[in-house]
Amino acid sequence: MASTAKVLSSLPVTRTAPAVRAVPAPAPRRPRWGWLQLLRESLGGALLIAAWIVLWTVTWAAVAGPLSPVREAGPARAQVSSVERR
């Protein structure tokens, strides 16, 4: 062991760092399918707006339609008034 350490310590250290040179970055390429991405985002936005309008319409149709408290009170008043007229 001692001889191995002696041999290793007696070797000259001639490690040199590799030369580092600057390499220019490649020029950014324009995306080839940019128009397809724009189309996809446009259609996605249109579908989102359409879904929002549909949900809004269905919600208000449910509130103003069969779930409306005005509709339930309407026929009851008509029956009472027809009985009072007799």
Protein backbone atom coordinates (compact mmCIF):
# COMPACT_ATOMS: atom_id res chain seq x y z
CA MET A 1 0.00 0.00 0.00
CA ALA A 2 2.75 2.38 0.90
CA SER A 3 4.50 1.78 -2.40
CA THR A 4 1.31 2.46 -4.35
CA ALA A 5 0.80 5.73 -2.55
CA LYS A 6 4.43 6.67 -3.16
CA VAL A 7 4.14 5.95 -6.89
CA LEU A 8 0.91 7.88 -7.19
CA SER A 9 2.24 10.86 -5.28
CA SER A 10 5.44 10.98 -7.31
CA LEU A 11 3.64 11.19 -10.66
CA PRO A 12 3.58 14.71 -12.04
CA VAL A 13 0.11 16.22 -12.20
CA THR A 14 -0.34 17.44 -15.74
CA ARG A 15 -4.05 17.66 -15.98
CA THR A 16 -5.05 20.53 -18.13
CA ALA A 17 -8.57 21.78 -18.44
CA PRO A 18 -10.02 21.35 -21.89
CA ALA A 19 -10.24 24.54 -23.84
CA VAL A 20 -13.72 26.01 -23.62
CA ARG A 21 -14.87 28.03 -26.55
CA ALA A 22 -18.09 29.85 -27.10
CA VAL A 23 -20.41 28.34 -29.61
CA PRO A 24 -23.16 30.55 -30.99
CA ALA A 25 -26.68 29.38 -30.32
CA PRO A 26 -28.59 28.20 -33.35
CA ALA A 27 -30.95 30.73 -34.83
CA PRO A 28 -34.51 30.21 -33.58
CA ARG A 29 -36.62 28.59 -36.23
CA ARG A 30 -40.14 29.66 -36.83
CA PRO A 31 -42.51 26.89 -35.90
CA ARG A 32 -43.57 24.99 -38.94
CA TRP A 33 -47.08 24.33 -37.72
CA GLY A 34 -47.80 27.72 -36.17
CA TRP A 35 -50.99 28.15 -38.17
CA LEU A 36 -52.29 24.83 -36.85
CA GLN A 37 -51.64 25.89 -33.26
CA LEU A 38 -53.46 29.17 -33.90
CA LEU A 39 -56.41 27.29 -35.40
CA ARG A 40 -56.50 24.89 -32.45
CA GLU A 41 -56.48 27.72 -29.93
CA SER A 42 -59.19 29.59 -31.84
CA LEU A 43 -61.44 26.55 -32.03
CA GLY A 44 -60.82 25.80 -28.37
CA GLY A 45 -61.83 29.33 -27.43
CA ALA A 46 -64.93 29.16 -29.60
CA LEU A 47 -65.94 25.83 -28.06
CA LEU A 48 -65.43 27.23 -24.58
CA ILE A 49 -67.66 30.22 -25.33
CA ALA A 50 -70.30 27.97 -26.93
CA ALA A 51 -70.31 25.66 -23.92
CA TRP A 52 -70.66 28.63 -21.57
CA ILE A 53 -73.63 29.99 -23.57
CA VAL A 54 -75.31 26.57 -23.61
CA LEU A 55 -74.89 26.11 -19.87
CA TRP A 56 -76.15 29.63 -19.20
CA THR A 57 -79.21 29.05 -21.40
CA VAL A 58 -80.02 25.69 -19.82
CA THR A 59 -79.66 27.15 -16.35
CA TRP A 60 -82.00 30.04 -17.06
CA ALA A 61 -84.44 27.77 -18.85
CA ALA A 62 -84.57 25.58 -15.74
CA VAL A 63 -85.06 28.57 -13.47
CA ALA A 64 -87.70 30.24 -15.64
CA GLY A 65 -89.30 26.98 -16.73
CA PRO A 66 -90.47 24.09 -14.57
CA LEU A 67 -88.58 25.28 -11.48
CA SER A 68 -90.06 28.76 -11.54
CA PRO A 69 -92.07 29.67 -8.42
CA VAL A 70 -94.19 32.10 -10.47
CA ARG A 71 -95.49 29.29 -12.60
CA GLU A 72 -96.62 27.29 -9.57
CA ALA A 73 -98.48 30.23 -8.05
CA GLY A 74 -100.21 31.16 -11.32
CA PRO A 75 -102.81 28.35 -11.64
CA ALA A 76 -103.61 28.38 -7.93
CA ARG A 77 -104.60 32.03 -8.13
CA ALA A 78 -106.74 31.39 -11.17
CA GLN A 79 -108.68 28.63 -9.41
CA VAL A 80 -109.34 30.77 -6.35
CA SER A 81 -110.53 33.69 -8.44
CA SER A 82 -112.87 31.50 -10.46
CA VAL A 83 -114.40 30.16 -7.26
CA GLU A 84 -114.93 33.68 -5.89
CA ARG A 85 -116.79 34.78 -9.00
CA ARG A 86 -119.56 32.20 -8.62
